[in-house]
Amino acid sequence: MKWELGQFALRVWVAVGTKMQHAARDDEGQGLVEYGLIIGLVAVVLVAALVTLTGGLKGIFGTITNALTPPSTGG
């Protein structure tokens, strides 16, 4: 899971970088470059947050699942 998120972040970063290089050649592309930087930063932050929260979320959902699972009667 972490590896897939890392690959996704890398792909986003490369795509944004490529778009920024093309847009930087135009004077009118300055706004697009700024938006690209913001989107790239948001993507990196989201991936970092997902990677960080993965363990905690598994624990929370595990607790919920255990609470909702009826106990066995042993019969």
Protein backbone atom coordinates (compact mmCIF):
# COMPACT_ATOMS: atom_id res chain seq x y z
CA MET A 1 0.00 0.00 0.00
CA LYS A 2 2.74 2.45 0.94
CA TRP A 3 4.68 1.59 -2.20
CA GLU A 4 1.63 2.26 -4.39
CA LEU A 5 1.06 5.64 -2.73
CA GLY A 6 4.71 6.51 -3.25
CA GLN A 7 4.51 5.59 -6.91
CA PHE A 8 1.34 7.66 -7.27
CA ALA A 9 3.00 10.68 -5.65
CA LEU A 10 5.99 10.31 -7.97
CA ARG A 11 3.75 10.12 -11.04
CA VAL A 12 1.83 13.21 -9.94
CA TRP A 13 5.06 15.07 -9.25
CA VAL A 14 6.47 14.19 -12.70
CA ALA A 15 3.21 15.12 -14.45
CA VAL A 16 3.02 18.46 -12.65
CA GLY A 17 6.69 19.13 -13.39
CA THR A 18 6.18 18.39 -17.08
CA LYS A 19 3.16 20.68 -17.26
CA MET A 20 5.06 23.42 -15.46
CA GLN A 21 7.99 23.17 -17.88
CA HIS A 22 5.66 23.57 -20.85
CA ALA A 23 3.75 26.40 -19.22
CA ALA A 24 6.90 28.19 -18.09
CA ARG A 25 7.82 28.78 -21.72
CA ASP A 26 4.81 31.08 -22.08
CA ASP A 27 4.47 34.36 -20.21
CA GLU A 28 0.76 33.66 -19.78
CA GLY A 29 1.55 30.30 -18.20
CA GLN A 30 2.79 31.83 -14.95
CA GLY A 31 -0.57 31.32 -13.24
CA LEU A 32 -0.66 27.72 -14.43
CA VAL A 33 2.79 27.12 -12.97
CA GLU A 34 1.66 28.48 -9.62
CA TYR A 35 -1.43 26.28 -9.65
CA GLY A 36 0.73 23.32 -10.59
CA LEU A 37 3.02 23.94 -7.63
CA ILE A 38 0.05 24.15 -5.29
CA ILE A 39 -1.48 20.94 -6.68
CA GLY A 40 1.85 19.16 -6.39
CA LEU A 41 2.28 20.27 -2.79
CA VAL A 42 -1.27 19.19 -1.91
CA ALA A 43 -0.69 15.79 -3.53
CA VAL A 44 2.49 15.24 -1.53
CA VAL A 45 0.80 16.27 1.72
CA LEU A 46 -2.18 13.97 1.05
CA VAL A 47 0.06 11.00 0.30
CA ALA A 48 2.10 11.66 3.45
CA ALA A 49 -1.07 11.91 5.52
CA LEU A 50 -2.47 8.67 4.08
CA VAL A 51 0.76 6.82 4.72
CA THR A 52 0.92 8.17 8.27
CA LEU A 53 -2.71 7.40 9.11
CA THR A 54 -2.85 3.92 7.57
CA GLY A 55 -1.96 2.06 10.78
CA GLY A 56 -4.28 4.11 12.95
CA LEU A 57 -7.20 3.70 10.59
CA LYS A 58 -6.70 -0.07 10.47
CA GLY A 59 -6.83 -0.16 14.26
CA ILE A 60 -9.99 1.95 14.42
CA PHE A 61 -11.82 -0.13 11.81
CA GLY A 62 -10.61 -3.33 13.47
CA THR A 63 -12.09 -2.19 16.78
CA ILE A 64 -15.38 -1.32 15.10
CA THR A 65 -15.48 -4.67 13.30
CA ASN A 66 -14.81 -6.57 16.52
CA ALA A 67 -17.54 -4.62 18.31
CA LEU A 68 -20.08 -5.37 15.57
CA THR A 69 -19.23 -9.07 15.24
CA PRO A 70 -21.60 -11.16 17.39
CA PRO A 71 -19.81 -13.31 19.96
CA SER A 72 -19.70 -17.02 19.26
CA THR A 73 -22.00 -19.16 21.43
CA GLY A 74 -19.50 -21.98 21.58
CA GLY A 75 -22.25 -24.44 21.06
